[in-house]
Amino acid sequence: MSGLRILVPIKRVIDYARPTIPLRKPLDVGSRKTNWDGAPIVLLQVKPRVNSAQTGVETAGVKHSMNPFDELSVEEAVRIRDKKRYPSGVEDICVLSVGPQKAQDVLRTAMAMGADRGILVKTDEGKNLEPLSVAKLLQKAVAEQKSNLVILGKQSIDDDAGQTGGMLAGLLGWGQATQASEVKFKDAETVEVTREVDGGVETLRTKLPMIITTDLRLNVPRYASLPNIMKAKKKKLETKSLGDYGVSLENRLKTLKVTEPPTRQGGGKVEDVDGMVSKLKELGGL
């Protein structure tokens, strides 16, 4: 009975939160991040800007990081190994990313979190693959790496397509469990996945090999410690090309136009209920 060989695809996206100057007063920080001396780090959300051509958001000169749903996937793979949740253990955790040379940063982060090695499929800056092309590339990578479990984020926060996991399962003919909030191994072949649905929770049971996509309730990703960041620099990182996987940059979809959302109008105050009713009538709400 062989162990798990886990493939974790990850994506480099615009950093969704950046730290500002830490507060130095002792506060009850709860679940917020803290710096080395215990002071909380305030996180500010980054606001993407539409580029001048209105074909997408501006990425030049903007800090990037790992897609947050992919952080969950890396964390879950490492927990499966470290907590010995699979009967035969985990043989290998391989992270793979498609992107420019700068994408090796997110691969190093994933290896600092605990992944064993990484693969960068190098493309030119600004050249992005569509979900179907990514799924076809991952199909070849699964065969190459002899993977029997693929864990990936349910979506990336740049395009929110949420298609790659399902397409990959279809191409491989594997079972899939999407938007996982809990993963359990019943035996060496059977996996039980719980996921949240509109009416509560749903539990799926399927067999390996399979695809799992991750949701926010699954875990809380760890932060890479400085010693592990240094160790990650010595882990194996291969660089490959799209041609190695027989995939091209040909796109089937065309973005017609991207615009900023309309500016939100300020609200107003009314003195009483009658004033509110009059205002609603004036605005056509009644």
C-alpha atoms as a PDB file:
ATOM      1  CA  MET A   1       0.000   0.000   0.000  1.00  0.00           C
ATOM      2  CA  SER A   2       1.698   3.195  -1.218  1.00  0.00           C
ATOM      3  CA  GLY A   3       1.527   6.569   0.442  1.00  0.00           C
ATOM      4  CA  LEU A   4      -0.063   9.758  -0.772  1.00  0.00           C
ATOM      5  CA  ARG A   5       1.608  11.814  -3.456  1.00  0.00           C
ATOM      6  CA  ILE A   6      -0.062  15.203  -3.176  1.00  0.00           C
ATOM      7  CA  LEU A   7       0.051  17.854  -5.890  1.00  0.00           C
ATOM      8  CA  VAL A   8      -0.873  21.380  -4.776  1.00  0.00           C
ATOM      9  CA  PRO A   9      -1.287  23.943  -7.582  1.00  0.00           C
ATOM     10  CA  ILE A  10      -0.814  27.524  -6.343  1.00  0.00           C
ATOM     11  CA  LYS A  11      -1.218  30.932  -7.999  1.00  0.00           C
ATOM     12  CA  ARG A  12       0.508  34.289  -7.590  1.00  0.00           C
ATOM     13  CA  VAL A  13      -2.062  37.077  -7.232  1.00  0.00           C
ATOM     14  CA  ILE A  14      -2.168  40.699  -6.102  1.00  0.00           C
ATOM     15  CA  ASP A  15      -1.560  40.776  -2.364  1.00  0.00           C
ATOM     16  CA  TYR A  16      -4.969  41.083  -0.725  1.00  0.00           C
ATOM     17  CA  ALA A  17      -3.676  42.635   2.542  1.00  0.00           C
ATOM     18  CA  ARG A  18      -0.533  44.556   3.418  1.00  0.00           C
ATOM     19  CA  PRO A  19       0.833  45.250   6.923  1.00  0.00           C
ATOM     20  CA  THR A  20       1.221  48.789   8.176  1.00  0.00           C
ATOM     21  CA  ILE A  21       3.310  50.063  11.097  1.00  0.00           C
ATOM     22  CA  PRO A  22       2.627  47.820  14.130  1.00  0.00           C
ATOM     23  CA  LEU A  23       0.802  49.293  17.083  1.00  0.00           C
ATOM     24  CA  ARG A  24       3.037  49.376  20.140  1.00  0.00           C
ATOM     25  CA  LYS A  25       0.395  49.548  22.851  1.00  0.00           C
ATOM     26  CA  PRO A  26      -0.643  46.306  24.560  1.00  0.00           C
ATOM     27  CA  LEU A  27      -4.059  45.415  23.152  1.00  0.00           C
ATOM     28  CA  ASP A  28      -6.309  42.387  23.097  1.00  0.00           C
ATOM     29  CA  VAL A  29      -5.499  41.337  19.539  1.00  0.00           C
ATOM     30  CA  GLY A  30      -7.700  38.236  19.496  1.00  0.00           C
ATOM     31  CA  SER A  31      -7.126  36.361  16.258  1.00  0.00           C
ATOM     32  CA  ARG A  32      -5.186  39.176  14.589  1.00  0.00           C
ATOM     33  CA  LYS A  33      -1.598  38.680  13.531  1.00  0.00           C
ATOM     34  CA  THR A  34       1.147  39.841  15.880  1.00  0.00           C
ATOM     35  CA  ASN A  35       4.746  40.764  15.222  1.00  0.00           C
ATOM     36  CA  TRP A  36       7.794  39.368  17.009  1.00  0.00           C
ATOM     37  CA  ASP A  37       7.351  41.491  20.150  1.00  0.00           C
ATOM     38  CA  GLY A  38       3.646  40.695  20.437  1.00  0.00           C
ATOM     39  CA  ALA A  39       2.348  43.984  19.039  1.00  0.00           C
ATOM     40  CA  PRO A  40      -0.544  43.594  16.601  1.00  0.00           C
ATOM     41  CA  ILE A  41      -0.007  44.224  12.908  1.00  0.00           C
ATOM     42  CA  VAL A  42      -2.773  46.216  11.264  1.00  0.00           C
ATOM     43  CA  LEU A  43      -3.774  44.861   7.854  1.00  0.00           C
ATOM     44  CA  LEU A  44      -5.079  47.185   5.150  1.00  0.00           C
ATOM     45  CA  GLN A  45      -6.931  45.828   2.135  1.00  0.00           C
ATOM     46  CA  VAL A  46      -5.263  46.602  -1.180  1.00  0.00           C
ATOM     47  CA  LYS A  47      -7.566  48.238  -3.726  1.00  0.00           C
ATOM     48  CA  PRO A  48      -6.807  47.042  -7.297  1.00  0.00           C
ATOM     49  CA  ARG A  49      -6.858  49.663 -10.052  1.00  0.00           C
ATOM     50  CA  VAL A  50      -8.110  49.130 -13.599  1.00  0.00           C
ATOM     51  CA  ASN A  51      -5.319  49.539 -16.167  1.00  0.00           C
ATOM     52  CA  SER A  52      -5.391  52.263 -18.806  1.00  0.00           C
ATOM     53  CA  ALA A  53      -6.419  49.851 -21.571  1.00  0.00           C
ATOM     54  CA  GLN A  54      -9.405  48.682 -19.470  1.00  0.00           C
ATOM     55  CA  THR A  55      -8.486  45.049 -20.086  1.00  0.00           C
ATOM     56  CA  GLY A  56      -7.869  44.117 -16.457  1.00  0.00           C
ATOM     57  CA  VAL A  57      -6.345  45.377 -13.230  1.00  0.00           C
ATOM     58  CA  GLU A  58      -2.943  47.024 -13.008  1.00  0.00           C
ATOM     59  CA  THR A  59      -0.318  44.522 -11.836  1.00  0.00           C
ATOM     60  CA  ALA A  60       2.918  46.439 -12.451  1.00  0.00           C
ATOM     61  CA  GLY A  61       4.510  47.735  -9.272  1.00  0.00           C
ATOM     62  CA  VAL A  62       1.946  45.993  -7.078  1.00  0.00           C
ATOM     63  CA  LYS A  63       2.914  43.543  -4.336  1.00  0.00           C
ATOM     64  CA  HIS A  64       1.894  39.944  -5.018  1.00  0.00           C
ATOM     65  CA  SER A  65       1.443  36.924  -2.769  1.00  0.00           C
ATOM     66  CA  MET A  66      -0.032  33.444  -2.776  1.00  0.00           C
ATOM     67  CA  ASN A  67      -3.741  33.121  -3.531  1.00  0.00           C
ATOM     68  CA  PRO A  68      -5.363  32.742  -0.065  1.00  0.00           C
ATOM     69  CA  PHE A  69      -7.377  29.668  -1.062  1.00  0.00           C
ATOM     70  CA  ASP A  70      -4.129  28.033  -2.192  1.00  0.00           C
ATOM     71  CA  GLU A  71      -2.585  28.778   1.209  1.00  0.00           C
ATOM     72  CA  LEU A  72      -5.370  26.631   2.676  1.00  0.00           C
ATOM     73  CA  SER A  73      -4.462  23.829   0.255  1.00  0.00           C
ATOM     74  CA  VAL A  74      -0.778  23.876   1.198  1.00  0.00           C
ATOM     75  CA  GLU A  75      -1.656  23.923   4.897  1.00  0.00           C
ATOM     76  CA  GLU A  76      -4.035  20.972   4.545  1.00  0.00           C
ATOM     77  CA  ALA A  77      -1.472  18.895   2.648  1.00  0.00           C
ATOM     78  CA  VAL A  78       1.158  19.567   5.315  1.00  0.00           C
ATOM     79  CA  ARG A  79      -1.288  18.732   8.124  1.00  0.00           C
ATOM     80  CA  ILE A  80      -2.217  15.424   6.460  1.00  0.00           C
ATOM     81  CA  ARG A  81       1.474  14.508   6.498  1.00  0.00           C
ATOM     82  CA  ASP A  82       2.490  15.902   9.888  1.00  0.00           C
ATOM     83  CA  LYS A  83      -0.539  14.573  11.769  1.00  0.00           C
ATOM     84  CA  LYS A  84      -0.292  11.179  10.016  1.00  0.00           C
ATOM     85  CA  ARG A  85      -3.943  11.317   8.977  1.00  0.00           C
ATOM     86  CA  TYR A  86      -3.437   8.937   6.039  1.00  0.00           C
ATOM     87  CA  PRO A  87      -2.776   5.291   7.023  1.00  0.00           C
ATOM     88  CA  SER A  88       0.234   4.821   4.727  1.00  0.00           C
ATOM     89  CA  GLY A  89       1.641   8.308   5.232  1.00  0.00           C
ATOM     90  CA  VAL A  90       2.529  10.984   2.699  1.00  0.00           C
ATOM     91  CA  GLU A  91       5.374  10.285   0.290  1.00  0.00           C
ATOM     92  CA  ASP A  92       5.583  13.697  -1.339  1.00  0.00           C
ATOM     93  CA  ILE A  93       4.028  17.165  -1.379  1.00  0.00           C
ATOM     94  CA  CYS A  94       4.765  18.980  -4.618  1.00  0.00           C
ATOM     95  CA  VAL A  95       3.619  22.566  -5.257  1.00  0.00           C
ATOM     96  CA  LEU A  96       3.267  23.853  -8.819  1.00  0.00           C
ATOM     97  CA  SER A  97       2.723  27.347 -10.149  1.00  0.00           C
ATOM     98  CA  VAL A  98       2.379  28.820 -13.630  1.00  0.00           C
ATOM     99  CA  GLY A  99       3.690  32.345 -14.029  1.00  0.00           C
ATOM    100  CA  PRO A 100       6.710  34.621 -14.494  1.00  0.00           C
ATOM    101  CA  GLN A 101      10.031  34.126 -12.746  1.00  0.00           C
ATOM    102  CA  LYS A 102       8.706  36.152  -9.794  1.00  0.00           C
ATOM    103  CA  ALA A 103       6.214  33.351  -9.100  1.00  0.00           C
ATOM    104  CA  GLN A 104       9.041  31.364  -7.514  1.00  0.00           C
ATOM    105  CA  ASP A 105       8.475  33.535  -4.426  1.00  0.00           C
ATOM    106  CA  VAL A 106       5.095  31.910  -3.716  1.00  0.00           C
ATOM    107  CA  LEU A 107       6.621  28.478  -4.335  1.00  0.00           C
ATOM    108  CA  ARG A 108       9.356  29.223  -1.788  1.00  0.00           C
ATOM    109  CA  THR A 109       6.672  30.363   0.648  1.00  0.00           C
ATOM    110  CA  ALA A 110       4.798  27.087   0.156  1.00  0.00           C
ATOM    111  CA  MET A 111       7.993  25.107   0.739  1.00  0.00           C
ATOM    112  CA  ALA A 112       8.671  27.160   3.862  1.00  0.00           C
ATOM    113  CA  MET A 113       5.190  26.136   5.049  1.00  0.00           C
ATOM    114  CA  GLY A 114       6.185  22.490   4.618  1.00  0.00           C
ATOM    115  CA  ALA A 115       5.925  21.415   0.973  1.00  0.00           C
ATOM    116  CA  ASP A 116       8.772  19.148  -0.141  1.00  0.00           C
ATOM    117  CA  ARG A 117       9.556  20.663  -3.540  1.00  0.00           C
ATOM    118  CA  GLY A 118       8.254  22.991  -6.214  1.00  0.00           C
ATOM    119  CA  ILE A 119       7.773  23.315  -9.966  1.00  0.00           C
ATOM    120  CA  LEU A 120       7.586  26.652 -11.772  1.00  0.00           C
ATOM    121  CA  VAL A 121       6.069  26.525 -15.252  1.00  0.00           C
ATOM    122  CA  LYS A 122       7.515  29.764 -16.553  1.00  0.00           C
ATOM    123  CA  THR A 123       5.549  32.227 -18.690  1.00  0.00           C
ATOM    124  CA  ASP A 124       6.108  35.835 -19.649  1.00  0.00           C
ATOM    125  CA  GLU A 125       4.908  38.590 -17.330  1.00  0.00           C
ATOM    126  CA  GLY A 126       1.251  39.411 -17.978  1.00  0.00           C
ATOM    127  CA  LYS A 127       0.579  36.211 -19.939  1.00  0.00           C
ATOM    128  CA  ASN A 128      -2.133  34.268 -18.139  1.00  0.00           C
ATOM    129  CA  LEU A 129      -3.607  30.855 -18.878  1.00  0.00           C
ATOM    130  CA  GLU A 130      -7.341  30.246 -18.946  1.00  0.00           C
ATOM    131  CA  PRO A 131      -8.785  27.650 -16.537  1.00  0.00           C
ATOM    132  CA  LEU A 132      -9.082  24.933 -19.210  1.00  0.00           C
ATOM    133  CA  SER A 133      -5.440  25.365 -20.228  1.00  0.00           C
ATOM    134  CA  VAL A 134      -4.378  25.188 -16.577  1.00  0.00           C
ATOM    135  CA  ALA A 135      -6.451  22.016 -16.105  1.00  0.00           C
ATOM    136  CA  LYS A 136      -4.816  20.410 -19.171  1.00  0.00           C
ATOM    137  CA  LEU A 137      -1.374  21.325 -17.836  1.00  0.00           C
ATOM    138  CA  LEU A 138      -2.215  19.870 -14.421  1.00  0.00           C
ATOM    139  CA  GLN A 139      -3.475  16.688 -16.086  1.00  0.00           C
ATOM    140  CA  LYS A 140       0.011  16.186 -17.547  1.00  0.00           C
ATOM    141  CA  ALA A 141       1.651  17.169 -14.247  1.00  0.00           C
ATOM    142  CA  VAL A 142      -0.418  14.582 -12.339  1.00  0.00           C
ATOM    143  CA  ALA A 143       0.818  11.844 -14.659  1.00  0.00           C
ATOM    144  CA  GLU A 144       4.405  13.098 -14.489  1.00  0.00           C
ATOM    145  CA  GLN A 145       4.449  13.322 -10.682  1.00  0.00           C
ATOM    146  CA  LYS A 146       2.397  10.135 -10.172  1.00  0.00           C
ATOM    147  CA  SER A 147       0.058  12.084  -7.907  1.00  0.00           C
ATOM    148  CA  ASN A 148      -2.994  10.395  -6.383  1.00  0.00           C
ATOM    149  CA  LEU A 149      -4.435  13.450  -4.621  1.00  0.00           C
ATOM    150  CA  VAL A 150      -4.694  17.038  -5.882  1.00  0.00           C
ATOM    151  CA  ILE A 151      -5.641  19.763  -3.416  1.00  0.00           C
ATOM    152  CA  LEU A 152      -6.237  23.237  -4.822  1.00  0.00           C
ATOM    153  CA  GLY A 153      -8.123  26.397  -3.922  1.00  0.00           C
ATOM    154  CA  LYS A 154     -11.756  26.566  -4.981  1.00  0.00           C
ATOM    155  CA  GLN A 155     -10.955  29.793  -6.855  1.00  0.00           C
ATOM    156  CA  SER A 156      -8.335  32.490  -7.261  1.00  0.00           C
ATOM    157  CA  ILE A 157      -9.147  35.976  -6.076  1.00  0.00           C
ATOM    158  CA  ASP A 158      -8.090  37.666  -9.330  1.00  0.00           C
ATOM    159  CA  ASP A 159     -10.616  36.184 -11.775  1.00  0.00           C
ATOM    160  CA  ASP A 160     -12.864  34.200  -9.373  1.00  0.00           C
ATOM    161  CA  ALA A 161     -13.444  31.637 -12.143  1.00  0.00           C
ATOM    162  CA  GLY A 162     -13.647  28.608  -9.837  1.00  0.00           C
ATOM    163  CA  GLN A 163     -13.348  26.231 -12.811  1.00  0.00           C
ATOM    164  CA  THR A 164      -9.945  24.569 -12.712  1.00  0.00           C
ATOM    165  CA  GLY A 165     -10.706  21.910 -10.084  1.00  0.00           C
ATOM    166  CA  GLY A 166     -13.841  20.648 -11.816  1.00  0.00           C
ATOM    167  CA  MET A 167     -12.216  20.688 -15.250  1.00  0.00           C
ATOM    168  CA  LEU A 168      -9.210  18.747 -13.947  1.00  0.00           C
ATOM    169  CA  ALA A 169     -11.468  16.120 -12.376  1.00  0.00           C
ATOM    170  CA  GLY A 170     -13.291  15.758 -15.691  1.00  0.00           C
ATOM    171  CA  LEU A 171     -10.081  15.399 -17.710  1.00  0.00           C
ATOM    172  CA  LEU A 172      -8.663  12.805 -15.302  1.00  0.00           C
ATOM    173  CA  GLY A 173     -11.939  10.965 -14.753  1.00  0.00           C
ATOM    174  CA  TRP A 174     -11.414  11.279 -10.975  1.00  0.00           C
ATOM    175  CA  GLY A 175     -13.899  11.935  -8.226  1.00  0.00           C
ATOM    176  CA  GLN A 176     -14.019  15.431  -6.774  1.00  0.00           C
ATOM    177  CA  ALA A 177     -15.147  17.164  -3.596  1.00  0.00           C
ATOM    178  CA  THR A 178     -15.386  20.927  -3.865  1.00  0.00           C
ATOM    179  CA  GLN A 179     -15.313  23.700  -1.247  1.00  0.00           C
ATOM    180  CA  ALA A 180     -14.058  21.382   1.488  1.00  0.00           C
ATOM    181  CA  SER A 181     -14.345  22.499   5.103  1.00  0.00           C
ATOM    182  CA  GLU A 182     -13.089  19.182   6.550  1.00  0.00           C
ATOM    183  CA  VAL A 183     -11.178  16.219   5.115  1.00  0.00           C
ATOM    184  CA  LYS A 184     -11.055  12.770   6.745  1.00  0.00           C
ATOM    185  CA  PHE A 185      -9.465   9.523   5.572  1.00  0.00           C
ATOM    186  CA  LYS A 186     -11.661   6.558   6.499  1.00  0.00           C
ATOM    187  CA  ASP A 187      -9.112   4.042   5.171  1.00  0.00           C
ATOM    188  CA  ALA A 188      -6.374   3.819   2.538  1.00  0.00           C
ATOM    189  CA  GLU A 189      -8.865   4.302  -0.293  1.00  0.00           C
ATOM    190  CA  THR A 190     -11.838   6.216   1.084  1.00  0.00           C
ATOM    191  CA  VAL A 191     -11.956   9.951   1.729  1.00  0.00           C
ATOM    192  CA  GLU A 192     -14.800  11.758   3.490  1.00  0.00           C
ATOM    193  CA  VAL A 193     -15.155  15.466   2.769  1.00  0.00           C
ATOM    194  CA  THR A 194     -17.510  17.872   4.533  1.00  0.00           C
ATOM    195  CA  ARG A 195     -18.532  21.094   2.838  1.00  0.00           C
ATOM    196  CA  GLU A 196     -20.865  23.948   3.626  1.00  0.00           C
ATOM    197  CA  VAL A 197     -23.993  24.374   1.510  1.00  0.00           C
ATOM    198  CA  ASP A 198     -26.901  26.826   1.683  1.00  0.00           C
ATOM    199  CA  GLY A 199     -28.940  24.538   3.928  1.00  0.00           C
ATOM    200  CA  GLY A 200     -26.147  23.547   6.326  1.00  0.00           C
ATOM    201  CA  VAL A 201     -23.371  21.025   5.666  1.00  0.00           C
ATOM    202  CA  GLU A 202     -23.006  18.171   3.215  1.00  0.00           C
ATOM    203  CA  THR A 203     -20.721  15.146   3.584  1.00  0.00           C
ATOM    204  CA  LEU A 204     -19.336  13.417   0.508  1.00  0.00           C
ATOM    205  CA  ARG A 205     -17.502  10.107   0.386  1.00  0.00           C
ATOM    206  CA  THR A 206     -15.336   9.085  -2.543  1.00  0.00           C
ATOM    207  CA  LYS A 207     -12.220   7.086  -3.317  1.00  0.00           C
ATOM    208  CA  LEU A 208      -8.673   7.961  -4.220  1.00  0.00           C
ATOM    209  CA  PRO A 209      -7.379   9.206  -6.581  1.00  0.00           C
ATOM    210  CA  MET A 210      -9.408  12.401  -6.326  1.00  0.00           C
ATOM    211  CA  ILE A 211      -9.533  16.200  -6.507  1.00  0.00           C
ATOM    212  CA  ILE A 212     -10.291  18.383  -3.465  1.00  0.00           C
ATOM    213  CA  THR A 213     -10.906  22.138  -3.660  1.00  0.00           C
ATOM    214  CA  THR A 214     -10.583  24.119  -0.441  1.00  0.00           C
ATOM    215  CA  ASP A 215     -12.796  26.691   1.268  1.00  0.00           C
ATOM    216  CA  LEU A 216     -12.094  29.157   4.065  1.00  0.00           C
ATOM    217  CA  ARG A 217     -13.452  26.991   6.906  1.00  0.00           C
ATOM    218  CA  LEU A 218     -10.930  24.205   6.253  1.00  0.00           C
ATOM    219  CA  ASN A 219      -8.029  25.489   8.360  1.00  0.00           C
ATOM    220  CA  VAL A 220      -5.946  28.498   9.357  1.00  0.00           C
ATOM    221  CA  PRO A 221      -2.696  28.575   7.336  1.00  0.00           C
ATOM    222  CA  ARG A 222       0.527  28.821   9.305  1.00  0.00           C
ATOM    223  CA  TYR A 223       3.099  31.566   8.898  1.00  0.00           C
ATOM    224  CA  ALA A 224       6.476  30.467   7.643  1.00  0.00           C
ATOM    225  CA  SER A 225       9.100  30.860  10.362  1.00  0.00           C
ATOM    226  CA  LEU A 226      12.494  32.360   9.575  1.00  0.00           C
ATOM    227  CA  PRO A 227      14.332  29.001   9.978  1.00  0.00           C
ATOM    228  CA  ASN A 228      11.870  27.321   7.597  1.00  0.00           C
ATOM    229  CA  ILE A 229      12.224  30.161   5.096  1.00  0.00           C
ATOM    230  CA  MET A 230      15.985  29.553   5.115  1.00  0.00           C
ATOM    231  CA  LYS A 231      15.478  25.776   4.725  1.00  0.00           C
ATOM    232  CA  ALA A 232      13.108  26.345   1.806  1.00  0.00           C
ATOM    233  CA  LYS A 233      15.926  27.981  -0.156  1.00  0.00           C
ATOM    234  CA  LYS A 234      17.680  24.612  -0.257  1.00  0.00           C
ATOM    235  CA  LYS A 235      14.639  22.620  -1.392  1.00  0.00           C
ATOM    236  CA  LYS A 236      14.374  21.549  -5.009  1.00  0.00           C
ATOM    237  CA  LEU A 237      12.675  24.007  -7.367  1.00  0.00           C
ATOM    238  CA  GLU A 238      12.411  22.943 -11.015  1.00  0.00           C
ATOM    239  CA  THR A 239      11.715  25.364 -13.842  1.00  0.00           C
ATOM    240  CA  LYS A 240       9.758  24.094 -16.827  1.00  0.00           C
ATOM    241  CA  SER A 241       8.023  25.584 -19.854  1.00  0.00           C
ATOM    242  CA  LEU A 242       4.505  25.308 -21.232  1.00  0.00           C
ATOM    243  CA  GLY A 243       5.956  23.262 -24.079  1.00  0.00           C
ATOM    244  CA  ASP A 244       7.086  20.603 -21.602  1.00  0.00           C
ATOM    245  CA  TYR A 245       3.403  19.966 -20.898  1.00  0.00           C
ATOM    246  CA  GLY A 246       2.123  20.459 -24.442  1.00  0.00           C
ATOM    247  CA  VAL A 247       0.123  23.581 -23.524  1.00  0.00           C
ATOM    248  CA  SER A 248       0.013  26.886 -25.424  1.00  0.00           C
ATOM    249  CA  LEU A 249      -1.034  30.401 -24.453  1.00  0.00           C
ATOM    250  CA  GLU A 250      -3.871  30.417 -26.995  1.00  0.00           C
ATOM    251  CA  ASN A 251      -6.930  31.975 -25.348  1.00  0.00           C
ATOM    252  CA  ARG A 252     -10.527  31.121 -26.159  1.00  0.00           C
ATOM    253  CA  LEU A 253     -12.005  33.959 -24.135  1.00  0.00           C
ATOM    254  CA  LYS A 254     -11.656  37.688 -24.687  1.00  0.00           C
ATOM    255  CA  THR A 255     -12.176  40.365 -22.041  1.00  0.00           C
ATOM    256  CA  LEU A 256     -14.108  43.166 -23.697  1.00  0.00           C
ATOM    257  CA  LYS A 257     -13.852  45.799 -21.003  1.00  0.00           C
ATOM    258  CA  VAL A 258     -13.092  46.210 -17.303  1.00  0.00           C
ATOM    259  CA  THR A 259     -14.305  49.320 -15.467  1.00  0.00           C
ATOM    260  CA  GLU A 260     -14.357  50.616 -11.919  1.00  0.00           C
ATOM    261  CA  PRO A 261     -17.647  50.191 -10.040  1.00  0.00           C
ATOM    262  CA  PRO A 262     -19.726  53.379  -9.786  1.00  0.00           C
ATOM    263  CA  THR A 263     -18.899  55.645  -6.879  1.00  0.00           C
ATOM    264  CA  ARG A 264     -21.181  54.994  -3.955  1.00  0.00           C
ATOM    265  CA  GLN A 265     -23.421  57.912  -3.084  1.00  0.00           C
ATOM    266  CA  GLY A 266     -23.495  59.181   0.482  1.00  0.00           C
ATOM    267  CA  GLY A 267     -26.521  58.514   2.676  1.00  0.00           C
ATOM    268  CA  GLY A 268     -28.814  60.976   4.383  1.00  0.00           C
ATOM    269  CA  LYS A 269     -30.566  61.328   7.722  1.00  0.00           C
ATOM    270  CA  VAL A 270     -34.297  61.756   8.389  1.00  0.00           C
ATOM    271  CA  GLU A 271     -35.938  63.076  11.532  1.00  0.00           C
ATOM    272  CA  ASP A 272     -38.667  60.456  11.944  1.00  0.00           C
ATOM    273  CA  VAL A 273     -40.600  57.629  10.288  1.00  0.00           C
ATOM    274  CA  ASP A 274     -42.763  60.027   8.295  1.00  0.00           C
ATOM    275  CA  GLY A 275     -39.631  61.626   6.906  1.00  0.00           C
ATOM    276  CA  MET A 276     -38.283  58.221   5.927  1.00  0.00           C
ATOM    277  CA  VAL A 277     -41.521  57.306   4.130  1.00  0.00           C
ATOM    278  CA  SER A 278     -41.513  60.614   2.266  1.00  0.00           C
ATOM    279  CA  LYS A 279     -37.899  60.097   1.229  1.00  0.00           C
ATOM    280  CA  LEU A 280     -38.600  56.576  -0.003  1.00  0.00           C
ATOM    281  CA  LYS A 281     -41.528  57.844  -2.080  1.00  0.00           C
ATOM    282  CA  GLU A 282     -39.341  60.568  -3.490  1.00  0.00           C
ATOM    283  CA  LEU A 283     -36.719  58.024  -4.550  1.00  0.00           C
ATOM    284  CA  GLY A 284     -39.304  55.668  -6.020  1.00  0.00           C
ATOM    285  CA  GLY A 285     -38.859  53.049  -3.345  1.00  0.00           C
ATOM    286  CA  LEU A 286     -42.538  53.049  -2.445  1.00  0.00           C
END
